[in-house]
């Protein structure tokens, strides 16, 4: 990594952490200049506009999510072990990624859901890609015989996302110390609903 790339990554690291607290929409070149002790013109040399900076932060968030949540889980064999690893890593991802204000992607989804444009498109495409990944992982659990053949992978993925969302709200807004435990119990119940053995009961 050259000096310019190193500087850009250092700026992006700061912007990523800041976005966790103020939201992607709250990021500004001026705010970041103050945090990084750089001039605005210096920042513009790396990010030509506020929107370009915000898009870079969203892409960074997706990349880090993949590194913290998905890649380690995909080292597990296909099946329920891999699915459960995704859930465990997902619940822990804001702590692992050192995001004091919570998930950047989650916050951006709420910020931009009704604001057409490149930022909304970036968030939407990232979330659709995640849902496809979850559904494909569920389908592989069906293929290896750990979930019933009539399992709807898209529905299963939808419910996994719901578990994560309510866990985050419970943890961050409601200060529920049992949020993660409840989330894992909900996931285990979801698995039981679709497990091969349940068809025999």
N, C-alpha and C. Protein backbone atom coordinates (compact mmCIF):
# COMPACT_ATOMS: atom_id res chain seq x y z
N UNK A 1 0.84 -1.19 0.00
CA UNK A 1 0.00 0.00 0.00
C UNK A 1 0.88 1.25 0.00
N UNK A 2 0.68 2.12 -1.00
CA UNK A 2 1.46 3.34 -1.09
C UNK A 2 1.04 4.36 -0.06
N UNK A 3 1.80 5.45 0.02
CA UNK A 3 1.52 6.48 1.03
C UNK A 3 0.12 7.06 0.85
N UNK A 4 -0.25 7.35 -0.41
CA UNK A 4 -1.58 7.91 -0.66
C UNK A 4 -2.68 6.96 -0.25
N UNK A 5 -2.52 5.68 -0.57
CA UNK A 5 -3.52 4.69 -0.19
C UNK A 5 -3.58 4.51 1.32
N UNK A 6 -2.41 4.57 1.95
CA UNK A 6 -2.35 4.44 3.41
C UNK A 6 -3.08 5.61 4.06
N UNK A 7 -2.86 6.82 3.56
CA UNK A 7 -3.53 8.00 4.11
C UNK A 7 -5.04 7.90 3.91
N UNK A 8 -5.43 7.48 2.71
CA UNK A 8 -6.87 7.35 2.42
C UNK A 8 -7.52 6.34 3.37
N UNK A 9 -6.83 5.22 3.62
CA UNK A 9 -7.38 4.21 4.51
C UNK A 9 -7.47 4.73 5.94
N UNK A 10 -6.47 5.52 6.37
CA UNK A 10 -6.50 6.09 7.71
C UNK A 10 -7.69 7.05 7.86
N UNK A 11 -7.95 7.83 6.81
CA UNK A 11 -9.11 8.73 6.82
C UNK A 11 -10.39 7.92 6.89
N UNK A 12 -10.44 6.86 6.10
CA UNK A 12 -11.63 6.02 6.04
C UNK A 12 -11.88 5.32 7.38
N UNK A 13 -10.82 4.91 8.05
CA UNK A 13 -10.95 4.30 9.37
C UNK A 13 -11.62 5.27 10.34
N UNK A 14 -11.19 6.51 10.30
CA UNK A 14 -11.75 7.53 11.19
C UNK A 14 -13.20 7.82 10.82
N UNK A 15 -13.47 7.91 9.52
CA UNK A 15 -14.82 8.19 9.06
C UNK A 15 -15.77 7.05 9.43
N UNK A 16 -15.28 5.83 9.33
CA UNK A 16 -16.09 4.65 9.66
C UNK A 16 -16.49 4.67 11.14
N UNK A 17 -15.52 4.94 12.01
CA UNK A 17 -15.82 5.00 13.44
C UNK A 17 -16.77 6.16 13.75
N UNK A 18 -16.56 7.27 13.09
CA UNK A 18 -17.39 8.45 13.31
C UNK A 18 -18.82 8.20 12.84
N UNK A 19 -18.97 7.53 11.69
CA UNK A 19 -20.30 7.24 11.15
C UNK A 19 -21.11 6.37 12.10
N UNK A 20 -20.44 5.54 12.88
CA UNK A 20 -21.12 4.71 13.86
C UNK A 20 -21.86 5.57 14.89
N UNK A 21 -21.33 6.74 15.15
CA UNK A 21 -21.91 7.61 16.18
C UNK A 21 -22.85 8.68 15.62
N UNK A 22 -22.50 9.24 14.44
CA UNK A 22 -23.29 10.36 13.90
C UNK A 22 -24.13 9.95 12.69
N UNK A 23 -23.94 8.73 12.21
CA UNK A 23 -24.64 8.28 11.02
C UNK A 23 -23.89 8.67 9.76
N UNK A 24 -24.12 7.93 8.70
CA UNK A 24 -23.47 8.24 7.43
C UNK A 24 -23.93 9.60 6.92
N UNK A 25 -25.21 9.90 7.10
CA UNK A 25 -25.73 11.19 6.67
C UNK A 25 -25.13 12.35 7.45
N UNK A 26 -24.67 12.08 8.67
CA UNK A 26 -24.10 13.13 9.49
C UNK A 26 -22.63 13.40 9.22
N UNK A 27 -22.01 12.58 8.41
CA UNK A 27 -20.60 12.79 8.09
C UNK A 27 -20.42 14.04 7.23
N UNK A 28 -19.36 14.75 7.49
CA UNK A 28 -19.03 15.90 6.63
C UNK A 28 -17.52 15.99 6.51
N UNK A 29 -17.09 16.62 5.44
CA UNK A 29 -15.65 16.83 5.23
C UNK A 29 -15.07 17.67 6.36
N UNK A 30 -15.82 18.69 6.78
CA UNK A 30 -15.34 19.56 7.86
C UNK A 30 -15.15 18.82 9.16
N UNK A 31 -16.14 18.00 9.52
CA UNK A 31 -16.06 17.21 10.74
C UNK A 31 -14.87 16.26 10.71
N UNK A 32 -14.67 15.64 9.55
CA UNK A 32 -13.58 14.68 9.41
C UNK A 32 -12.22 15.39 9.40
N UNK A 33 -12.17 16.57 8.83
CA UNK A 33 -10.93 17.36 8.84
C UNK A 33 -10.50 17.66 10.26
N UNK A 34 -11.48 18.00 11.08
CA UNK A 34 -11.18 18.29 12.50
C UNK A 34 -10.69 17.05 13.23
N UNK A 35 -11.32 15.91 12.95
CA UNK A 35 -10.93 14.68 13.63
C UNK A 35 -9.57 14.17 13.20
N UNK A 36 -9.24 14.34 11.93
CA UNK A 36 -7.98 13.81 11.40
C UNK A 36 -6.84 14.83 11.42
N UNK A 37 -7.17 16.08 11.79
CA UNK A 37 -6.18 17.17 11.79
C UNK A 37 -5.62 17.41 10.39
N UNK A 38 -6.48 17.19 9.39
CA UNK A 38 -6.10 17.46 8.02
C UNK A 38 -6.89 18.65 7.49
N UNK A 39 -6.40 19.24 6.42
CA UNK A 39 -7.14 20.33 5.79
C UNK A 39 -8.28 19.76 4.96
N UNK A 40 -9.30 20.59 4.73
CA UNK A 40 -10.41 20.14 3.88
C UNK A 40 -9.91 19.83 2.47
N UNK A 41 -8.99 20.66 1.99
CA UNK A 41 -8.47 20.42 0.64
C UNK A 41 -7.72 19.10 0.57
N UNK A 42 -7.02 18.75 1.66
CA UNK A 42 -6.33 17.47 1.72
C UNK A 42 -7.30 16.31 1.67
N UNK A 43 -8.45 16.45 2.36
CA UNK A 43 -9.46 15.41 2.34
C UNK A 43 -10.11 15.30 0.97
N UNK A 44 -10.35 16.47 0.34
CA UNK A 44 -10.95 16.46 -0.99
C UNK A 44 -10.06 15.78 -2.02
N UNK A 45 -8.76 15.77 -1.75
CA UNK A 45 -7.84 15.10 -2.67
C UNK A 45 -8.08 13.58 -2.66
N UNK A 46 -8.59 13.08 -1.54
CA UNK A 46 -8.87 11.63 -1.43
C UNK A 46 -10.33 11.31 -1.69
N UNK A 47 -11.22 12.22 -1.32
CA UNK A 47 -12.66 12.03 -1.51
C UNK A 47 -13.19 13.33 -2.12
N UNK A 48 -13.57 13.27 -3.36
CA UNK A 48 -13.90 14.49 -4.09
C UNK A 48 -15.14 15.22 -3.62
N UNK A 49 -15.97 14.55 -2.82
CA UNK A 49 -17.20 15.17 -2.35
C UNK A 49 -17.66 14.47 -1.08
N UNK A 50 -18.61 15.08 -0.40
CA UNK A 50 -19.19 14.46 0.78
C UNK A 50 -19.85 13.13 0.42
N UNK A 51 -20.56 13.11 -0.71
CA UNK A 51 -21.23 11.87 -1.12
C UNK A 51 -20.23 10.76 -1.42
N UNK A 52 -19.12 11.10 -2.05
CA UNK A 52 -18.09 10.09 -2.34
C UNK A 52 -17.53 9.52 -1.04
N UNK A 53 -17.34 10.38 -0.04
CA UNK A 53 -16.88 9.93 1.27
C UNK A 53 -17.91 8.99 1.89
N UNK A 54 -19.17 9.37 1.83
CA UNK A 54 -20.22 8.55 2.42
C UNK A 54 -20.32 7.19 1.73
N UNK A 55 -20.22 7.19 0.42
CA UNK A 55 -20.25 5.92 -0.32
C UNK A 55 -19.06 5.04 0.06
N UNK A 56 -17.90 5.65 0.22
CA UNK A 56 -16.71 4.90 0.61
C UNK A 56 -16.89 4.27 1.99
N UNK A 57 -17.54 5.00 2.90
CA UNK A 57 -17.78 4.47 4.24
C UNK A 57 -18.75 3.29 4.18
N UNK A 58 -19.79 3.40 3.37
CA UNK A 58 -20.74 2.30 3.24
C UNK A 58 -20.06 1.05 2.67
N UNK A 59 -19.20 1.24 1.67
CA UNK A 59 -18.49 0.10 1.09
C UNK A 59 -17.51 -0.50 2.10
N UNK A 60 -16.88 0.37 2.89
CA UNK A 60 -15.97 -0.11 3.93
C UNK A 60 -16.75 -0.93 4.96
N UNK A 61 -17.93 -0.46 5.32
CA UNK A 61 -18.76 -1.18 6.29
C UNK A 61 -19.12 -2.57 5.78
N UNK A 62 -19.48 -2.65 4.51
CA UNK A 62 -19.83 -3.95 3.93
C UNK A 62 -18.62 -4.89 3.89
N UNK A 63 -17.46 -4.33 3.57
CA UNK A 63 -16.25 -5.15 3.52
C UNK A 63 -15.89 -5.67 4.91
N UNK A 64 -15.98 -4.79 5.90
CA UNK A 64 -15.63 -5.22 7.26
C UNK A 64 -16.65 -6.22 7.80
N UNK A 65 -17.91 -6.03 7.45
CA UNK A 65 -18.93 -7.00 7.86
C UNK A 65 -18.60 -8.37 7.31
N UNK A 66 -18.20 -8.40 6.04
CA UNK A 66 -17.82 -9.68 5.43
C UNK A 66 -16.64 -10.30 6.16
N UNK A 67 -15.67 -9.48 6.53
CA UNK A 67 -14.47 -9.99 7.19
C UNK A 67 -14.75 -10.50 8.59
N UNK A 68 -15.64 -9.82 9.31
CA UNK A 68 -15.91 -10.17 10.71
C UNK A 68 -16.97 -11.26 10.84
N UNK A 69 -17.99 -11.19 9.99
CA UNK A 69 -19.14 -12.07 10.14
C UNK A 69 -19.12 -13.26 9.18
N UNK A 70 -18.98 -12.98 7.90
CA UNK A 70 -19.19 -14.03 6.90
C UNK A 70 -17.99 -14.93 6.68
N UNK A 71 -16.83 -14.35 6.47
CA UNK A 71 -15.67 -15.19 6.13
C UNK A 71 -15.33 -16.19 7.22
N UNK A 72 -15.30 -15.79 8.49
CA UNK A 72 -15.02 -16.82 9.52
C UNK A 72 -16.09 -17.90 9.56
N UNK A 73 -17.36 -17.51 9.37
CA UNK A 73 -18.44 -18.51 9.39
C UNK A 73 -18.32 -19.49 8.24
N UNK A 74 -17.85 -19.00 7.08
CA UNK A 74 -17.76 -19.86 5.91
C UNK A 74 -16.58 -20.83 5.98
N UNK A 75 -15.80 -20.73 7.03
CA UNK A 75 -14.78 -21.76 7.26
C UNK A 75 -15.40 -23.01 7.87
N UNK A 76 -16.63 -22.87 8.36
CA UNK A 76 -17.35 -24.02 8.90
C UNK A 76 -17.93 -24.83 7.74
N UNK A 77 -18.11 -26.13 7.93
CA UNK A 77 -18.72 -26.95 6.87
C UNK A 77 -20.13 -26.44 6.55
N UNK A 78 -20.59 -26.73 5.34
CA UNK A 78 -21.94 -26.37 4.96
C UNK A 78 -22.94 -26.98 5.94
N UNK A 79 -23.98 -26.23 6.25
CA UNK A 79 -25.01 -26.76 7.12
C UNK A 79 -25.33 -25.83 8.26
N UNK A 80 -25.93 -26.40 9.30
CA UNK A 80 -26.40 -25.60 10.43
C UNK A 80 -25.26 -24.97 11.21
N UNK A 81 -24.10 -25.64 11.26
CA UNK A 81 -22.96 -25.05 11.96
C UNK A 81 -22.54 -23.73 11.34
N UNK A 82 -22.57 -23.68 10.02
CA UNK A 82 -22.21 -22.44 9.32
C UNK A 82 -23.26 -21.36 9.58
N UNK A 83 -24.53 -21.73 9.53
CA UNK A 83 -25.60 -20.77 9.79
C UNK A 83 -25.52 -20.20 11.20
N UNK A 84 -25.27 -21.08 12.16
CA UNK A 84 -25.20 -20.61 13.55
C UNK A 84 -23.97 -19.71 13.74
N UNK A 85 -22.87 -20.03 13.07
CA UNK A 85 -21.67 -19.20 13.16
C UNK A 85 -21.95 -17.79 12.62
N UNK A 86 -22.74 -17.71 11.55
CA UNK A 86 -23.11 -16.39 11.03
C UNK A 86 -23.87 -15.60 12.08
N UNK A 87 -24.83 -16.24 12.74
CA UNK A 87 -25.63 -15.55 13.75
C UNK A 87 -24.75 -15.10 14.92
N UNK A 88 -23.91 -15.98 15.41
CA UNK A 88 -23.03 -15.64 16.54
C UNK A 88 -22.11 -14.47 16.17
N UNK A 89 -21.49 -14.55 14.99
CA UNK A 89 -20.59 -13.48 14.55
C UNK A 89 -21.36 -12.18 14.33
N UNK A 90 -22.56 -12.28 13.79
CA UNK A 90 -23.39 -11.12 13.50
C UNK A 90 -23.73 -10.39 14.79
N UNK A 91 -24.13 -11.14 15.81
CA UNK A 91 -24.46 -10.52 17.10
C UNK A 91 -23.26 -9.81 17.70
N UNK A 92 -22.06 -10.30 17.38
CA UNK A 92 -20.85 -9.76 17.99
C UNK A 92 -20.15 -8.74 17.11
N UNK A 93 -20.68 -8.47 15.93
CA UNK A 93 -19.90 -7.74 14.93
C UNK A 93 -19.62 -6.30 15.32
N UNK A 94 -20.56 -5.60 15.95
CA UNK A 94 -20.29 -4.20 16.30
C UNK A 94 -19.21 -4.09 17.37
N UNK A 95 -19.13 -5.09 18.24
CA UNK A 95 -18.05 -5.08 19.24
C UNK A 95 -16.72 -5.43 18.58
N UNK A 96 -16.73 -6.43 17.72
CA UNK A 96 -15.49 -6.83 17.04
C UNK A 96 -14.97 -5.73 16.13
N UNK A 97 -15.88 -4.99 15.49
CA UNK A 97 -15.48 -3.93 14.57
C UNK A 97 -15.26 -2.60 15.29
N UNK A 98 -15.43 -2.60 16.62
CA UNK A 98 -15.22 -1.40 17.44
C UNK A 98 -16.11 -0.25 16.96
N UNK A 99 -17.42 -0.52 16.97
CA UNK A 99 -18.40 0.48 16.56
C UNK A 99 -19.20 0.93 17.78
N UNK A 100 -18.75 1.97 18.46
CA UNK A 100 -19.40 2.38 19.71
C UNK A 100 -20.84 2.82 19.53
N UNK A 101 -21.17 3.33 18.35
CA UNK A 101 -22.54 3.81 18.11
C UNK A 101 -23.43 2.79 17.43
N UNK A 102 -22.94 1.59 17.21
CA UNK A 102 -23.75 0.56 16.58
C UNK A 102 -23.41 0.36 15.11
N UNK A 103 -24.22 -0.46 14.46
CA UNK A 103 -23.97 -0.88 13.08
C UNK A 103 -24.19 0.26 12.09
N UNK A 104 -23.15 0.58 11.32
CA UNK A 104 -23.23 1.64 10.32
C UNK A 104 -24.26 1.30 9.25
N UNK A 105 -24.29 0.05 8.83
CA UNK A 105 -25.20 -0.36 7.77
C UNK A 105 -26.65 -0.27 8.25
N UNK A 106 -26.90 -0.74 9.45
CA UNK A 106 -28.24 -0.70 10.03
C UNK A 106 -28.75 0.73 10.11
N UNK A 107 -27.89 1.61 10.61
CA UNK A 107 -28.27 3.02 10.75
C UNK A 107 -28.51 3.64 9.38
N UNK A 108 -27.66 3.31 8.41
CA UNK A 108 -27.81 3.87 7.07
C UNK A 108 -29.10 3.40 6.42
N UNK A 109 -29.51 2.16 6.70
CA UNK A 109 -30.76 1.65 6.14
C UNK A 109 -31.94 2.50 6.61
N UNK A 110 -31.90 2.91 7.86
CA UNK A 110 -32.97 3.77 8.38
C UNK A 110 -32.85 5.20 7.85
N UNK A 111 -31.62 5.67 7.70
CA UNK A 111 -31.39 7.03 7.21
C UNK A 111 -31.86 7.24 5.79
N UNK A 112 -31.56 6.28 4.93
CA UNK A 112 -31.73 6.49 3.49
C UNK A 112 -32.87 5.71 2.86
N UNK A 113 -33.69 5.04 3.67
CA UNK A 113 -34.72 4.18 3.09
C UNK A 113 -35.71 4.94 2.21
N UNK A 114 -35.92 6.22 2.48
CA UNK A 114 -36.86 6.99 1.67
C UNK A 114 -36.19 8.17 0.97
N UNK A 115 -34.87 8.03 0.72
CA UNK A 115 -34.11 9.09 0.04
C UNK A 115 -33.45 8.52 -1.21
N UNK A 116 -34.15 8.56 -2.34
CA UNK A 116 -33.59 8.00 -3.58
C UNK A 116 -32.24 8.61 -3.92
N UNK A 117 -31.35 7.78 -4.47
CA UNK A 117 -30.05 8.27 -4.87
C UNK A 117 -28.98 7.22 -4.65
N UNK A 118 -27.72 7.56 -4.91
CA UNK A 118 -26.62 6.59 -4.82
C UNK A 118 -26.44 6.00 -3.42
N UNK A 119 -26.67 6.78 -2.38
CA UNK A 119 -26.47 6.24 -1.03
C UNK A 119 -27.52 5.18 -0.70
N UNK A 120 -28.77 5.47 -1.04
CA UNK A 120 -29.83 4.47 -0.83
C UNK A 120 -29.55 3.23 -1.66
N UNK A 121 -29.12 3.42 -2.90
CA UNK A 121 -28.82 2.29 -3.78
C UNK A 121 -27.72 1.42 -3.20
N UNK A 122 -26.69 2.05 -2.65
CA UNK A 122 -25.56 1.31 -2.08
C UNK A 122 -26.02 0.46 -0.89
N UNK A 123 -26.81 1.07 0.00
CA UNK A 123 -27.31 0.34 1.16
C UNK A 123 -28.22 -0.80 0.71
N UNK A 124 -29.14 -0.49 -0.19
CA UNK A 124 -30.10 -1.49 -0.67
C UNK A 124 -29.39 -2.67 -1.32
N UNK A 125 -28.44 -2.38 -2.19
CA UNK A 125 -27.72 -3.46 -2.89
C UNK A 125 -26.93 -4.32 -1.91
N UNK A 126 -26.33 -3.68 -0.91
CA UNK A 126 -25.59 -4.43 0.09
C UNK A 126 -26.48 -5.35 0.90
N UNK A 127 -27.65 -4.85 1.29
CA UNK A 127 -28.57 -5.67 2.08
C UNK A 127 -29.18 -6.79 1.24
N UNK A 128 -29.46 -6.52 -0.02
CA UNK A 128 -29.96 -7.57 -0.90
C UNK A 128 -28.91 -8.67 -1.10
N UNK A 129 -27.65 -8.25 -1.23
CA UNK A 129 -26.56 -9.23 -1.37
C UNK A 129 -26.45 -10.09 -0.11
N UNK A 130 -26.60 -9.47 1.06
CA UNK A 130 -26.54 -10.22 2.31
C UNK A 130 -27.69 -11.22 2.38
N UNK A 131 -28.89 -10.77 2.00
CA UNK A 131 -30.03 -11.68 2.06
C UNK A 131 -29.84 -12.86 1.11
N UNK A 132 -29.28 -12.61 -0.07
CA UNK A 132 -29.00 -13.71 -0.99
C UNK A 132 -27.99 -14.68 -0.40
N UNK A 133 -26.96 -14.13 0.26
CA UNK A 133 -25.95 -14.99 0.89
C UNK A 133 -26.56 -15.86 1.97
N UNK A 134 -27.43 -15.26 2.79
CA UNK A 134 -28.09 -16.02 3.84
C UNK A 134 -28.97 -17.12 3.25
N UNK A 135 -29.75 -16.76 2.22
CA UNK A 135 -30.64 -17.74 1.60
C UNK A 135 -29.86 -18.88 0.96
N UNK A 136 -28.74 -18.55 0.32
CA UNK A 136 -27.90 -19.59 -0.29
C UNK A 136 -27.31 -20.51 0.78
N UNK A 137 -26.96 -19.93 1.92
CA UNK A 137 -26.41 -20.74 3.01
C UNK A 137 -27.47 -21.67 3.57
N UNK A 138 -28.69 -21.17 3.68
CA UNK A 138 -29.81 -22.02 4.11
C UNK A 138 -30.03 -23.14 3.10
N UNK A 139 -30.01 -22.80 1.81
CA UNK A 139 -30.22 -23.81 0.77
C UNK A 139 -29.17 -24.91 0.85
N UNK A 140 -27.95 -24.56 1.20
CA UNK A 140 -26.90 -25.57 1.33
C UNK A 140 -27.14 -26.46 2.54
N UNK A 141 -27.74 -25.90 3.60
CA UNK A 141 -28.10 -26.72 4.76
C UNK A 141 -29.19 -27.71 4.39
N UNK A 142 -30.08 -27.29 3.48
CA UNK A 142 -31.10 -28.21 2.96
C UNK A 142 -30.42 -29.30 2.13
N UNK A 143 -29.48 -28.88 1.29
CA UNK A 143 -28.82 -29.82 0.38
C UNK A 143 -28.04 -30.91 1.12
N UNK A 144 -27.48 -30.57 2.30
CA UNK A 144 -26.72 -31.57 3.05
C UNK A 144 -27.62 -32.37 3.99
N UNK A 145 -28.93 -32.09 3.96
CA UNK A 145 -29.87 -32.89 4.71
C UNK A 145 -30.08 -32.46 6.15
N UNK A 146 -29.67 -31.27 6.51
CA UNK A 146 -29.85 -30.81 7.89
C UNK A 146 -31.11 -29.97 8.08
N UNK A 147 -31.69 -29.50 6.99
CA UNK A 147 -32.99 -28.84 7.03
C UNK A 147 -33.91 -29.54 6.04
N UNK A 148 -35.21 -29.49 6.30
CA UNK A 148 -36.17 -30.20 5.48
C UNK A 148 -36.15 -29.71 4.03
N UNK A 149 -36.52 -30.59 3.15
CA UNK A 149 -36.52 -30.27 1.72
C UNK A 149 -37.52 -29.17 1.38
N UNK A 150 -38.58 -29.02 2.20
CA UNK A 150 -39.58 -28.00 1.92
C UNK A 150 -39.25 -26.65 2.59
N UNK A 151 -38.06 -26.52 3.13
CA UNK A 151 -37.63 -25.25 3.74
C UNK A 151 -37.58 -24.15 2.68
N UNK A 152 -38.13 -23.01 3.01
CA UNK A 152 -38.08 -21.84 2.13
C UNK A 152 -36.85 -21.01 2.53
N UNK A 153 -35.76 -21.06 1.77
CA UNK A 153 -34.53 -20.36 2.16
C UNK A 153 -34.72 -18.85 2.34
N UNK A 154 -35.55 -18.24 1.49
CA UNK A 154 -35.77 -16.80 1.61
C UNK A 154 -36.51 -16.46 2.90
N UNK A 155 -37.48 -17.27 3.27
CA UNK A 155 -38.20 -17.04 4.52
C UNK A 155 -37.28 -17.23 5.72
N UNK A 156 -36.46 -18.27 5.68
CA UNK A 156 -35.52 -18.54 6.77
C UNK A 156 -34.57 -17.34 6.92
N UNK A 157 -34.05 -16.84 5.79
CA UNK A 157 -33.14 -15.70 5.82
C UNK A 157 -33.83 -14.46 6.37
N UNK A 158 -35.08 -14.25 5.98
CA UNK A 158 -35.88 -13.13 6.46
C UNK A 158 -35.98 -13.18 7.98
N UNK A 159 -36.25 -14.36 8.52
CA UNK A 159 -36.40 -14.51 9.96
C UNK A 159 -35.07 -14.34 10.68
N UNK A 160 -33.98 -14.78 10.07
CA UNK A 160 -32.66 -14.55 10.66
C UNK A 160 -32.39 -13.06 10.79
N UNK A 161 -32.71 -12.31 9.75
CA UNK A 161 -32.52 -10.85 9.81
C UNK A 161 -33.38 -10.24 10.91
N UNK A 162 -34.60 -10.73 11.04
CA UNK A 162 -35.49 -10.21 12.08
C UNK A 162 -34.93 -10.44 13.48
N UNK A 163 -34.35 -11.60 13.68
CA UNK A 163 -33.73 -11.92 14.97
C UNK A 163 -32.62 -10.93 15.28
N UNK A 164 -31.78 -10.67 14.27
CA UNK A 164 -30.68 -9.72 14.49
C UNK A 164 -31.20 -8.33 14.80
N UNK A 165 -32.19 -7.88 14.05
CA UNK A 165 -32.69 -6.52 14.23
C UNK A 165 -33.26 -6.31 15.63
N UNK A 166 -34.06 -7.24 16.10
CA UNK A 166 -34.66 -7.07 17.42
C UNK A 166 -33.60 -7.22 18.51
N UNK A 167 -32.59 -8.04 18.27
CA UNK A 167 -31.50 -8.17 19.25
C UNK A 167 -30.76 -6.85 19.39
N UNK A 168 -30.48 -6.19 18.25
CA UNK A 168 -29.78 -4.91 18.30
C UNK A 168 -30.61 -3.86 19.02
N UNK A 169 -31.90 -3.80 18.72
CA UNK A 169 -32.76 -2.84 19.40
C UNK A 169 -32.82 -3.12 20.90
N UNK A 170 -32.94 -4.39 21.25
CA UNK A 170 -33.02 -4.75 22.66
C UNK A 170 -31.74 -4.41 23.40
N UNK A 171 -30.61 -4.67 22.74
CA UNK A 171 -29.33 -4.42 23.38
C UNK A 171 -29.05 -2.92 23.51
N UNK A 172 -29.24 -2.17 22.42
CA UNK A 172 -28.80 -0.79 22.38
C UNK A 172 -29.84 0.19 22.96
N UNK A 173 -31.10 0.00 22.61
CA UNK A 173 -32.12 0.94 23.06
C UNK A 173 -32.74 0.55 24.39
N UNK A 174 -32.97 -0.74 24.57
CA UNK A 174 -33.64 -1.21 25.79
C UNK A 174 -32.67 -1.68 26.87
N UNK A 175 -31.37 -1.69 26.54
CA UNK A 175 -30.34 -2.11 27.51
C UNK A 175 -30.64 -3.48 28.12
N UNK A 176 -31.09 -4.39 27.27
CA UNK A 176 -31.41 -5.73 27.71
C UNK A 176 -30.14 -6.58 27.74
N UNK A 177 -29.67 -6.97 28.93
CA UNK A 177 -28.44 -7.76 28.99
C UNK A 177 -28.61 -9.17 28.44
N UNK A 178 -29.85 -9.60 28.25
CA UNK A 178 -30.12 -10.95 27.74
C UNK A 178 -30.38 -10.96 26.23
N UNK A 179 -30.13 -9.84 25.55
CA UNK A 179 -30.50 -9.74 24.14
C UNK A 179 -29.84 -10.82 23.29
N UNK A 180 -28.55 -11.02 23.47
CA UNK A 180 -27.85 -12.01 22.64
C UNK A 180 -28.32 -13.43 22.96
N UNK A 181 -28.53 -13.71 24.24
CA UNK A 181 -29.00 -15.05 24.62
C UNK A 181 -30.38 -15.31 24.01
N UNK A 182 -31.25 -14.31 24.09
CA UNK A 182 -32.59 -14.46 23.51
C UNK A 182 -32.52 -14.65 21.99
N UNK A 183 -31.60 -13.93 21.36
CA UNK A 183 -31.45 -14.05 19.90
C UNK A 183 -31.03 -15.47 19.52
N UNK A 184 -30.10 -16.05 20.26
CA UNK A 184 -29.66 -17.41 19.96
C UNK A 184 -30.76 -18.43 20.24
N UNK A 185 -31.55 -18.18 21.29
CA UNK A 185 -32.70 -19.06 21.55
C UNK A 185 -33.70 -18.99 20.40
N UNK A 186 -33.91 -17.78 19.89
CA UNK A 186 -34.84 -17.60 18.76
C UNK A 186 -34.31 -18.31 17.52
N UNK A 187 -33.01 -18.23 17.30
CA UNK A 187 -32.43 -18.91 16.14
C UNK A 187 -32.57 -20.43 16.29
N UNK A 188 -32.29 -20.93 17.49
CA UNK A 188 -32.40 -22.38 17.71
C UNK A 188 -33.84 -22.85 17.50
N UNK A 189 -34.80 -22.03 17.90
CA UNK A 189 -36.21 -22.39 17.68
C UNK A 189 -36.54 -22.38 16.19
N UNK A 190 -35.99 -21.41 15.48
CA UNK A 190 -36.19 -21.35 14.03
C UNK A 190 -35.64 -22.61 13.37
N UNK A 191 -34.47 -23.03 13.80
CA UNK A 191 -33.87 -24.25 13.25
C UNK A 191 -34.75 -25.46 13.54
N UNK A 192 -35.26 -25.53 14.76
CA UNK A 192 -36.11 -26.67 15.11
C UNK A 192 -37.36 -26.74 14.23
N UNK A 193 -37.88 -25.58 13.86
CA UNK A 193 -39.07 -25.54 13.01
C UNK A 193 -38.82 -26.17 11.64
N UNK A 194 -37.58 -26.08 11.18
CA UNK A 194 -37.24 -26.56 9.84
C UNK A 194 -36.34 -27.81 9.85
N UNK A 195 -35.97 -28.27 11.03
CA UNK A 195 -35.03 -29.38 11.10
C UNK A 195 -35.65 -30.67 10.56
N UNK A 196 -34.80 -31.51 10.01
CA UNK A 196 -35.28 -32.76 9.42
C UNK A 196 -36.03 -33.60 10.44
N UNK A 197 -35.53 -33.67 11.67
CA UNK A 197 -36.16 -34.51 12.69
C UNK A 197 -37.57 -34.05 13.02
N UNK A 198 -37.82 -32.72 12.90
CA UNK A 198 -39.13 -32.20 13.27
C UNK A 198 -40.22 -32.75 12.36
N UNK A 199 -39.85 -33.16 11.15
CA UNK A 199 -40.84 -33.70 10.21
C UNK A 199 -41.33 -35.08 10.67
N UNK A 200 -40.58 -35.71 11.56
CA UNK A 200 -40.93 -37.04 12.01
C UNK A 200 -41.74 -37.04 13.30
N UNK A 201 -41.84 -35.86 13.91
CA UNK A 201 -42.52 -35.82 15.21
C UNK A 201 -44.03 -35.89 15.05
